[in-house]
Amino acid sequence: MNKYIFIAVVLFLIVAASLFFKKPSLEPALVDLTCYDIQRSAEVCSDIYEPVCATVNIQCVTTPCDPIEETYPNDCNACINPLVSSYRLGVCGN
């Protein structure tokens, strides 16, 4: 009888742990994040590849231009570009 209770408790703990420790979603966040001043003043960025899709304000000479989206290797590399206004996690779509 004690063996069956032990097995039931172990199974319950395994199920509870699997629900508690869910894998993070691999879907990119659709929230636009703003570059902070400390990110803009970075002198060196890491080589860690965590791609972001940045909104880059294009400077046109004759007429106003719509911003474009460009994929950067990480948020640091995006934010050191003074033309980047915001970014979101993940690569840019077509």
PDB file of N, CA and C in Angstrom:
ATOM      1  N   MET A   1       0.819  -1.199   0.000  1.00  0.00           N
ATOM      2  CA  MET A   1       0.000   0.000   0.000  1.00  0.00           C
ATOM      3  C   MET A   1       0.860   1.259   0.000  1.00  0.00           C
ATOM      4  N   ASN A   2       1.935   1.278   0.831  1.00  0.00           N
ATOM      5  CA  ASN A   2       2.809   2.447   0.893  1.00  0.00           C
ATOM      6  C   ASN A   2       3.514   2.676  -0.437  1.00  0.00           C
ATOM      7  N   LYS A   3       3.808   1.579  -1.148  1.00  0.00           N
ATOM      8  CA  LYS A   3       4.475   1.703  -2.448  1.00  0.00           C
ATOM      9  C   LYS A   3       3.576   2.431  -3.439  1.00  0.00           C
ATOM     10  N   TYR A   4       2.279   2.153  -3.435  1.00  0.00           N
ATOM     11  CA  TYR A   4       1.351   2.804  -4.350  1.00  0.00           C
ATOM     12  C   TYR A   4       1.164   4.286  -4.013  1.00  0.00           C
ATOM     13  N   ILE A   5       1.153   4.612  -2.757  1.00  0.00           N
ATOM     14  CA  ILE A   5       1.054   6.017  -2.340  1.00  0.00           C
ATOM     15  C   ILE A   5       2.304   6.766  -2.776  1.00  0.00           C
ATOM     16  N   PHE A   6       3.473   6.145  -2.597  1.00  0.00           N
ATOM     17  CA  PHE A   6       4.729   6.770  -3.016  1.00  0.00           C
ATOM     18  C   PHE A   6       4.729   7.024  -4.522  1.00  0.00           C
ATOM     19  N   ILE A   7       4.301   6.056  -5.309  1.00  0.00           N
ATOM     20  CA  ILE A   7       4.262   6.201  -6.771  1.00  0.00           C
ATOM     21  C   ILE A   7       3.274   7.309  -7.161  1.00  0.00           C
ATOM     22  N   ALA A   8       2.128   7.362  -6.499  1.00  0.00           N
ATOM     23  CA  ALA A   8       1.139   8.399  -6.802  1.00  0.00           C
ATOM     24  C   ALA A   8       1.687   9.791  -6.477  1.00  0.00           C
ATOM     25  N   VAL A   9       2.399   9.920  -5.350  1.00  0.00           N
ATOM     26  CA  VAL A   9       2.977  11.203  -4.968  1.00  0.00           C
ATOM     27  C   VAL A   9       4.051  11.623  -5.968  1.00  0.00           C
ATOM     28  N   VAL A  10       4.889  10.688  -6.384  1.00  0.00           N
ATOM     29  CA  VAL A  10       5.940  10.995  -7.358  1.00  0.00           C
ATOM     30  C   VAL A  10       5.323  11.432  -8.683  1.00  0.00           C
ATOM     31  N   LEU A  11       4.306  10.720  -9.146  1.00  0.00           N
ATOM     32  CA  LEU A  11       3.647  11.113 -10.396  1.00  0.00           C
ATOM     33  C   LEU A  11       3.001  12.491 -10.282  1.00  0.00           C
ATOM     34  N   PHE A  12       2.375  12.764  -9.149  1.00  0.00           N
ATOM     35  CA  PHE A  12       1.779  14.076  -8.932  1.00  0.00           C
ATOM     36  C   PHE A  12       2.840  15.172  -8.980  1.00  0.00           C
ATOM     37  N   LEU A  13       3.988  14.940  -8.349  1.00  0.00           N
ATOM     38  CA  LEU A  13       5.059  15.933  -8.347  1.00  0.00           C
ATOM     39  C   LEU A  13       5.625  16.157  -9.746  1.00  0.00           C
ATOM     40  N   ILE A  14       5.719  15.100 -10.533  1.00  0.00           N
ATOM     41  CA  ILE A  14       6.223  15.237 -11.909  1.00  0.00           C
ATOM     42  C   ILE A  14       5.254  16.080 -12.737  1.00  0.00           C
ATOM     43  N   VAL A  15       3.970  15.810 -12.629  1.00  0.00           N
ATOM     44  CA  VAL A  15       2.973  16.580 -13.381  1.00  0.00           C
ATOM     45  C   VAL A  15       2.957  18.034 -12.918  1.00  0.00           C
ATOM     46  N   ALA A  16       3.005  18.246 -11.600  1.00  0.00           N
ATOM     47  CA  ALA A  16       3.010  19.611 -11.079  1.00  0.00           C
ATOM     48  C   ALA A  16       4.246  20.370 -11.531  1.00  0.00           C
ATOM     49  N   ALA A  17       5.408  19.724 -11.531  1.00  0.00           N
ATOM     50  CA  ALA A  17       6.643  20.377 -11.963  1.00  0.00           C
ATOM     51  C   ALA A  17       6.597  20.700 -13.448  1.00  0.00           C
ATOM     52  N   SER A  18       6.027  19.818 -14.259  1.00  0.00           N
ATOM     53  CA  SER A  18       5.963  20.090 -15.703  1.00  0.00           C
ATOM     54  C   SER A  18       5.037  21.265 -16.001  1.00  0.00           C
ATOM     55  N   LEU A  19       3.995  21.454 -15.184  1.00  0.00           N
ATOM     56  CA  LEU A  19       3.114  22.605 -15.380  1.00  0.00           C
ATOM     57  C   LEU A  19       3.751  23.899 -14.882  1.00  0.00           C
ATOM     58  N   PHE A  20       4.530  23.793 -13.821  1.00  0.00           N
ATOM     59  CA  PHE A  20       5.152  24.975 -13.228  1.00  0.00           C
ATOM     60  C   PHE A  20       6.336  25.470 -14.049  1.00  0.00           C
ATOM     61  N   PHE A  21       7.151  24.541 -14.562  1.00  0.00           N
ATOM     62  CA  PHE A  21       8.354  24.906 -15.312  1.00  0.00           C
ATOM     63  C   PHE A  21       8.100  24.763 -16.800  1.00  0.00           C
ATOM     64  N   LYS A  22       7.214  25.585 -17.327  1.00  0.00           N
ATOM     65  CA  LYS A  22       6.917  25.562 -18.756  1.00  0.00           C
ATOM     66  C   LYS A  22       8.082  26.141 -19.543  1.00  0.00           C
ATOM     67  N   LYS A  23       8.264  25.634 -20.754  1.00  0.00           N
ATOM     68  CA  LYS A  23       9.264  26.194 -21.652  1.00  0.00           C
ATOM     69  C   LYS A  23       8.797  27.565 -22.112  1.00  0.00           C
ATOM     70  N   PRO A  24       9.731  28.522 -22.204  1.00  0.00           N
ATOM     71  CA  PRO A  24       9.319  29.831 -22.714  1.00  0.00           C
ATOM     72  C   PRO A  24       8.906  29.742 -24.180  1.00  0.00           C
ATOM     73  N   SER A  25       8.015  30.593 -24.556  1.00  0.00           N
ATOM     74  CA  SER A  25       7.538  30.610 -25.932  1.00  0.00           C
ATOM     75  C   SER A  25       8.640  31.082 -26.868  1.00  0.00           C
ATOM     76  N   LEU A  26       8.739  30.434 -28.022  1.00  0.00           N
ATOM     77  CA  LEU A  26       9.729  30.837 -29.014  1.00  0.00           C
ATOM     78  C   LEU A  26       9.176  31.884 -29.971  1.00  0.00           C
ATOM     79  N   GLU A  27       7.907  32.227 -29.810  1.00  0.00           N
ATOM     80  CA  GLU A  27       7.306  33.257 -30.644  1.00  0.00           C
ATOM     81  C   GLU A  27       7.867  34.620 -30.257  1.00  0.00           C
ATOM     82  N   PRO A  28       8.220  35.451 -31.233  1.00  0.00           N
ATOM     83  CA  PRO A  28       8.729  36.779 -30.894  1.00  0.00           C
ATOM     84  C   PRO A  28       7.648  37.656 -30.288  1.00  0.00           C
ATOM     85  N   ALA A  29       8.073  38.545 -29.428  1.00  0.00           N
ATOM     86  CA  ALA A  29       7.138  39.483 -28.807  1.00  0.00           C
ATOM     87  C   ALA A  29       6.721  40.523 -29.838  1.00  0.00           C
ATOM     88  N   LEU A  30       5.471  40.899 -29.831  1.00  0.00           N
ATOM     89  CA  LEU A  30       4.967  41.888 -30.779  1.00  0.00           C
ATOM     90  C   LEU A  30       4.906  43.273 -30.167  1.00  0.00           C
ATOM     91  N   VAL A  31       5.594  43.457 -29.050  1.00  0.00           N
ATOM     92  CA  VAL A  31       5.604  44.732 -28.353  1.00  0.00           C
ATOM     93  C   VAL A  31       6.833  45.526 -28.783  1.00  0.00           C
ATOM     94  N   ASP A  32       6.632  46.781 -29.153  1.00  0.00           N
ATOM     95  CA  ASP A  32       7.763  47.636 -29.507  1.00  0.00           C
ATOM     96  C   ASP A  32       8.445  48.125 -28.234  1.00  0.00           C
ATOM     97  N   LEU A  33       9.753  47.968 -28.183  1.00  0.00           N
ATOM     98  CA  LEU A  33      10.550  48.398 -27.045  1.00  0.00           C
ATOM     99  C   LEU A  33      11.347  49.626 -27.443  1.00  0.00           C
ATOM    100  N   THR A  34      11.507  50.543 -26.542  1.00  0.00           N
ATOM    101  CA  THR A  34      12.226  51.788 -26.803  1.00  0.00           C
ATOM    102  C   THR A  34      13.677  51.651 -26.371  1.00  0.00           C
ATOM    103  N   CYS A  35      14.582  52.243 -27.129  1.00  0.00           N
ATOM    104  CA  CYS A  35      15.992  52.264 -26.760  1.00  0.00           C
ATOM    105  C   CYS A  35      16.208  53.294 -25.648  1.00  0.00           C
ATOM    106  N   TYR A  36      16.900  52.890 -24.603  1.00  0.00           N
ATOM    107  CA  TYR A  36      17.224  53.797 -23.500  1.00  0.00           C
ATOM    108  C   TYR A  36      18.552  54.498 -23.778  1.00  0.00           C
ATOM    109  N   ASP A  37      18.779  55.609 -23.102  1.00  0.00           N
ATOM    110  CA  ASP A  37      20.017  56.373 -23.289  1.00  0.00           C
ATOM    111  C   ASP A  37      21.250  55.526 -23.002  1.00  0.00           C
ATOM    112  N   ILE A  38      21.171  54.668 -22.002  1.00  0.00           N
ATOM    113  CA  ILE A  38      22.323  53.831 -21.660  1.00  0.00           C
ATOM    114  C   ILE A  38      22.636  52.839 -22.790  1.00  0.00           C
ATOM    115  N   GLN A  39      21.604  52.386 -23.507  1.00  0.00           N
ATOM    116  CA  GLN A  39      21.833  51.509 -24.660  1.00  0.00           C
ATOM    117  C   GLN A  39      22.448  52.290 -25.808  1.00  0.00           C
ATOM    118  N   ARG A  40      22.016  53.516 -25.986  1.00  0.00           N
ATOM    119  CA  ARG A  40      22.530  54.323 -27.096  1.00  0.00           C
ATOM    120  C   ARG A  40      23.995  54.693 -26.912  1.00  0.00           C
ATOM    121  N   SER A  41      24.432  54.776 -25.658  1.00  0.00           N
ATOM    122  CA  SER A  41      25.814  55.184 -25.399  1.00  0.00           C
ATOM    123  C   SER A  41      26.760  54.003 -25.233  1.00  0.00           C
ATOM    124  N   ALA A  42      26.323  52.801 -25.571  1.00  0.00           N
ATOM    125  CA  ALA A  42      27.189  51.625 -25.433  1.00  0.00           C
ATOM    126  C   ALA A  42      28.395  51.743 -26.365  1.00  0.00           C
ATOM    127  N   GLU A  43      29.555  51.408 -25.848  1.00  0.00           N
ATOM    128  CA  GLU A  43      30.768  51.447 -26.668  1.00  0.00           C
ATOM    129  C   GLU A  43      31.050  50.097 -27.310  1.00  0.00           C
ATOM    130  N   VAL A  44      30.617  49.021 -26.670  1.00  0.00           N
ATOM    131  CA  VAL A  44      30.849  47.667 -27.169  1.00  0.00           C
ATOM    132  C   VAL A  44      29.574  46.862 -26.985  1.00  0.00           C
ATOM    133  N   CYS A  45      29.228  46.050 -27.979  1.00  0.00           N
ATOM    134  CA  CYS A  45      28.072  45.156 -27.880  1.00  0.00           C
ATOM    135  C   CYS A  45      28.556  43.713 -27.877  1.00  0.00           C
ATOM    136  N   SER A  46      27.793  42.841 -27.235  1.00  0.00           N
ATOM    137  CA  SER A  46      28.166  41.428 -27.184  1.00  0.00           C
ATOM    138  C   SER A  46      27.906  40.768 -28.536  1.00  0.00           C
ATOM    139  N   ASP A  47      28.479  39.603 -28.718  1.00  0.00           N
ATOM    140  CA  ASP A  47      28.285  38.842 -29.949  1.00  0.00           C
ATOM    141  C   ASP A  47      27.142  37.842 -29.824  1.00  0.00           C
ATOM    142  N   ILE A  48      26.367  37.937 -28.764  1.00  0.00           N
ATOM    143  CA  ILE A  48      25.256  37.014 -28.569  1.00  0.00           C
ATOM    144  C   ILE A  48      24.181  37.319 -29.607  1.00  0.00           C
ATOM    145  N   TYR A  49      23.757  36.271 -30.332  1.00  0.00           N
ATOM    146  CA  TYR A  49      22.760  36.451 -31.380  1.00  0.00           C
ATOM    147  C   TYR A  49      21.367  36.247 -30.797  1.00  0.00           C
ATOM    148  N   GLU A  50      20.690  37.334 -30.529  1.00  0.00           N
ATOM    149  CA  GLU A  50      19.291  37.361 -30.112  1.00  0.00           C
ATOM    150  C   GLU A  50      18.620  38.412 -30.984  1.00  0.00           C
ATOM    151  N   PRO A  51      18.233  38.036 -32.216  1.00  0.00           N
ATOM    152  CA  PRO A  51      17.817  39.024 -33.206  1.00  0.00           C
ATOM    153  C   PRO A  51      16.634  39.877 -32.777  1.00  0.00           C
ATOM    154  N   VAL A  52      16.686  41.121 -33.211  1.00  0.00           N
ATOM    155  CA  VAL A  52      15.598  42.063 -32.989  1.00  0.00           C
ATOM    156  C   VAL A  52      15.242  42.724 -34.314  1.00  0.00           C
ATOM    157  N   CYS A  53      14.002  43.108 -34.439  1.00  0.00           N
ATOM    158  CA  CYS A  53      13.531  43.830 -35.619  1.00  0.00           C
ATOM    159  C   CYS A  53      13.388  45.293 -35.219  1.00  0.00           C
ATOM    160  N   ALA A  54      14.232  46.131 -35.778  1.00  0.00           N
ATOM    161  CA  ALA A  54      14.262  47.542 -35.395  1.00  0.00           C
ATOM    162  C   ALA A  54      13.551  48.402 -36.431  1.00  0.00           C
ATOM    163  N   THR A  55      12.913  49.455 -35.948  1.00  0.00           N
ATOM    164  CA  THR A  55      12.307  50.451 -36.819  1.00  0.00           C
ATOM    165  C   THR A  55      13.328  51.563 -37.027  1.00  0.00           C
ATOM    166  N   VAL A  56      13.770  51.697 -38.276  1.00  0.00           N
ATOM    167  CA  VAL A  56      14.818  52.661 -38.610  1.00  0.00           C
ATOM    168  C   VAL A  56      14.190  53.833 -39.351  1.00  0.00           C
ATOM    169  N   ASN A  57      14.367  55.035 -38.814  1.00  0.00           N
ATOM    170  CA  ASN A  57      13.864  56.245 -39.464  1.00  0.00           C
ATOM    171  C   ASN A  57      14.830  56.645 -40.570  1.00  0.00           C
ATOM    172  N   ILE A  58      14.331  56.650 -41.772  1.00  0.00           N
ATOM    173  CA  ILE A  58      15.141  57.012 -42.939  1.00  0.00           C
ATOM    174  C   ILE A  58      15.129  58.526 -43.103  1.00  0.00           C
ATOM    175  N   GLN A  59      16.294  59.096 -43.411  1.00  0.00           N
ATOM    176  CA  GLN A  59      16.386  60.528 -43.631  1.00  0.00           C
ATOM    177  C   GLN A  59      16.420  60.801 -45.124  1.00  0.00           C
ATOM    178  N   CYS A  60      15.327  61.328 -45.631  1.00  0.00           N
ATOM    179  CA  CYS A  60      15.220  61.647 -47.048  1.00  0.00           C
ATOM    180  C   CYS A  60      15.506  63.131 -47.256  1.00  0.00           C
ATOM    181  N   VAL A  61      15.962  63.463 -48.434  1.00  0.00           N
ATOM    182  CA  VAL A  61      16.337  64.839 -48.730  1.00  0.00           C
ATOM    183  C   VAL A  61      15.135  65.650 -49.207  1.00  0.00           C
ATOM    184  N   THR A  62      14.330  65.078 -50.073  1.00  0.00           N
ATOM    185  CA  THR A  62      13.273  65.876 -50.698  1.00  0.00           C
ATOM    186  C   THR A  62      11.887  65.685 -50.081  1.00  0.00           C
ATOM    187  N   THR A  63      11.537  64.472 -49.720  1.00  0.00           N
ATOM    188  CA  THR A  63      10.203  64.212 -49.178  1.00  0.00           C
ATOM    189  C   THR A  63      10.318  63.363 -47.911  1.00  0.00           C
ATOM    190  N   PRO A  64       9.293  63.387 -47.079  1.00  0.00           N
ATOM    191  CA  PRO A  64       9.330  62.513 -45.900  1.00  0.00           C
ATOM    192  C   PRO A  64       9.299  61.044 -46.313  1.00  0.00           C
ATOM    193  N   CYS A  65      10.043  60.237 -45.611  1.00  0.00           N
ATOM    194  CA  CYS A  65      10.096  58.801 -45.903  1.00  0.00           C
ATOM    195  C   CYS A  65       9.530  58.018 -44.733  1.00  0.00           C
ATOM    196  N   ASP A  66       8.875  56.919 -45.055  1.00  0.00           N
ATOM    197  CA  ASP A  66       8.381  56.025 -44.013  1.00  0.00           C
ATOM    198  C   ASP A  66       9.559  55.255 -43.422  1.00  0.00           C
ATOM    199  N   PRO A  67       9.511  54.953 -42.128  1.00  0.00           N
ATOM    200  CA  PRO A  67      10.577  54.159 -41.529  1.00  0.00           C
ATOM    201  C   PRO A  67      10.584  52.741 -42.104  1.00  0.00           C
ATOM    202  N   ILE A  68      11.730  52.101 -42.059  1.00  0.00           N
ATOM    203  CA  ILE A  68      11.857  50.726 -42.533  1.00  0.00           C
ATOM    204  C   ILE A  68      12.166  49.825 -41.342  1.00  0.00           C
ATOM    205  N   GLU A  69      11.949  48.532 -41.515  1.00  0.00           N
ATOM    206  CA  GLU A  69      12.312  47.558 -40.493  1.00  0.00           C
ATOM    207  C   GLU A  69      13.578  46.848 -40.938  1.00  0.00           C
ATOM    208  N   GLU A  70      14.497  46.675 -40.001  1.00  0.00           N
ATOM    209  CA  GLU A  70      15.764  46.019 -40.295  1.00  0.00           C
ATOM    210  C   GLU A  70      16.125  45.103 -39.129  1.00  0.00           C
ATOM    211  N   THR A  71      16.602  43.896 -39.449  1.00  0.00           N
ATOM    212  CA  THR A  71      16.987  42.940 -38.418  1.00  0.00           C
ATOM    213  C   THR A  71      18.408  43.218 -37.964  1.00  0.00           C
ATOM    214  N   TYR A  72      18.590  43.288 -36.649  1.00  0.00           N
ATOM    215  CA  TYR A  72      19.903  43.466 -36.035  1.00  0.00           C
ATOM    216  C   TYR A  72      20.209  42.226 -35.190  1.00  0.00           C
ATOM    217  N   PRO A  73      21.486  41.932 -34.965  1.00  0.00           N
ATOM    218  CA  PRO A  73      21.842  40.726 -34.197  1.00  0.00           C
ATOM    219  C   PRO A  73      21.344  40.742 -32.745  1.00  0.00           C
ATOM    220  N   ASN A  74      21.218  41.924 -32.153  1.00  0.00           N
ATOM    221  CA  ASN A  74      20.710  42.034 -30.780  1.00  0.00           C
ATOM    222  C   ASN A  74      20.286  43.476 -30.522  1.00  0.00           C
ATOM    223  N   ASP A  75      19.701  43.716 -29.357  1.00  0.00           N
ATOM    224  CA  ASP A  75      19.180  45.057 -29.055  1.00  0.00           C
ATOM    225  C   ASP A  75      20.285  46.098 -28.937  1.00  0.00           C
ATOM    226  N   CYS A  76      21.458  45.695 -28.466  1.00  0.00           N
ATOM    227  CA  CYS A  76      22.569  46.641 -28.341  1.00  0.00           C
ATOM    228  C   CYS A  76      22.973  47.181 -29.706  1.00  0.00           C
ATOM    229  N   ASN A  77      23.137  46.272 -30.673  1.00  0.00           N
ATOM    230  CA  ASN A  77      23.525  46.699 -32.020  1.00  0.00           C
ATOM    231  C   ASN A  77      22.458  47.571 -32.665  1.00  0.00           C
ATOM    232  N   ALA A  78      21.202  47.341 -32.341  1.00  0.00           N
ATOM    233  CA  ALA A  78      20.130  48.173 -32.891  1.00  0.00           C
ATOM    234  C   ALA A  78      20.144  49.563 -32.267  1.00  0.00           C
ATOM    235  N   CYS A  79      20.286  49.619 -30.954  1.00  0.00           N
ATOM    236  CA  CYS A  79      20.141  50.902 -30.253  1.00  0.00           C
ATOM    237  C   CYS A  79      21.336  51.835 -30.421  1.00  0.00           C
ATOM    238  N   ILE A  80      22.498  51.322 -30.816  1.00  0.00           N
ATOM    239  CA  ILE A  80      23.618  52.238 -31.034  1.00  0.00           C
ATOM    240  C   ILE A  80      23.454  53.005 -32.340  1.00  0.00           C
ATOM    241  N   ASN A  81      22.522  52.561 -33.189  1.00  0.00           N
ATOM    242  CA  ASN A  81      22.203  53.304 -34.400  1.00  0.00           C
ATOM    243  C   ASN A  81      21.256  54.434 -34.004  1.00  0.00           C
ATOM    244  N   PRO A  82      21.666  55.689 -34.169  1.00  0.00           N
ATOM    245  CA  PRO A  82      20.820  56.806 -33.735  1.00  0.00           C
ATOM    246  C   PRO A  82      19.512  56.927 -34.522  1.00  0.00           C
ATOM    247  N   LEU A  83      19.404  56.261 -35.667  1.00  0.00           N
ATOM    248  CA  LEU A  83      18.178  56.334 -36.470  1.00  0.00           C
ATOM    249  C   LEU A  83      17.124  55.320 -36.018  1.00  0.00           C
ATOM    250  N   VAL A  84      17.491  54.393 -35.127  1.00  0.00           N
ATOM    251  CA  VAL A  84      16.536  53.390 -34.637  1.00  0.00           C
ATOM    252  C   VAL A  84      15.663  54.023 -33.564  1.00  0.00           C
ATOM    253  N   SER A  85      14.357  53.946 -33.756  1.00  0.00           N
ATOM    254  CA  SER A  85      13.434  54.527 -32.776  1.00  0.00           C
ATOM    255  C   SER A  85      12.929  53.485 -31.786  1.00  0.00           C
ATOM    256  N   SER A  86      12.748  52.242 -32.237  1.00  0.00           N
ATOM    257  CA  SER A  86      12.262  51.178 -31.363  1.00  0.00           C
ATOM    258  C   SER A  86      12.623  49.835 -31.979  1.00  0.00           C
ATOM    259  N   TYR A  87      12.386  48.768 -31.222  1.00  0.00           N
ATOM    260  CA  TYR A  87      12.658  47.418 -31.716  1.00  0.00           C
ATOM    261  C   TYR A  87      11.727  46.435 -31.027  1.00  0.00           C
ATOM    262  N   ARG A  88      11.617  45.253 -31.619  1.00  0.00           N
ATOM    263  CA  ARG A  88      10.886  44.159 -30.978  1.00  0.00           C
ATOM    264  C   ARG A  88      11.683  42.877 -31.177  1.00  0.00           C
ATOM    265  N   LEU A  89      11.445  41.907 -30.326  1.00  0.00           N
ATOM    266  CA  LEU A  89      12.203  40.682 -30.357  1.00  0.00           C
ATOM    267  C   LEU A  89      11.875  39.870 -31.593  1.00  0.00           C
ATOM    268  N   GLY A  90      12.883  39.232 -32.184  1.00  0.00           N
ATOM    269  CA  GLY A  90      12.697  38.385 -33.349  1.00  0.00           C
ATOM    270  C   GLY A  90      13.140  39.078 -34.626  1.00  0.00           C
ATOM    271  N   VAL A  91      13.267  38.271 -35.673  1.00  0.00           N
ATOM    272  CA  VAL A  91      13.665  38.811 -36.973  1.00  0.00           C
ATOM    273  C   VAL A  91      12.482  39.507 -37.629  1.00  0.00           C
ATOM    274  N   CYS A  92      12.777  40.405 -38.536  1.00  0.00           N
ATOM    275  CA  CYS A  92      11.727  41.118 -39.255  1.00  0.00           C
ATOM    276  C   CYS A  92      11.088  40.208 -40.280  1.00  0.00           C
ATOM    277  N   GLY A  93       9.785  40.375 -40.474  1.00  0.00           N
ATOM    278  CA  GLY A  93       9.066  39.641 -41.527  1.00  0.00           C
ATOM    279  C   GLY A  93       9.248  40.347 -42.847  1.00  0.00           C
ATOM    280  N   ASN A  94       8.804  39.699 -43.885  1.00  0.00           N
ATOM    281  CA  ASN A  94       8.926  40.299 -45.225  1.00  0.00           C
ATOM    282  C   ASN A  94       7.777  41.218 -45.518  1.00  0.00           C
TER     283      ASN A  94
END
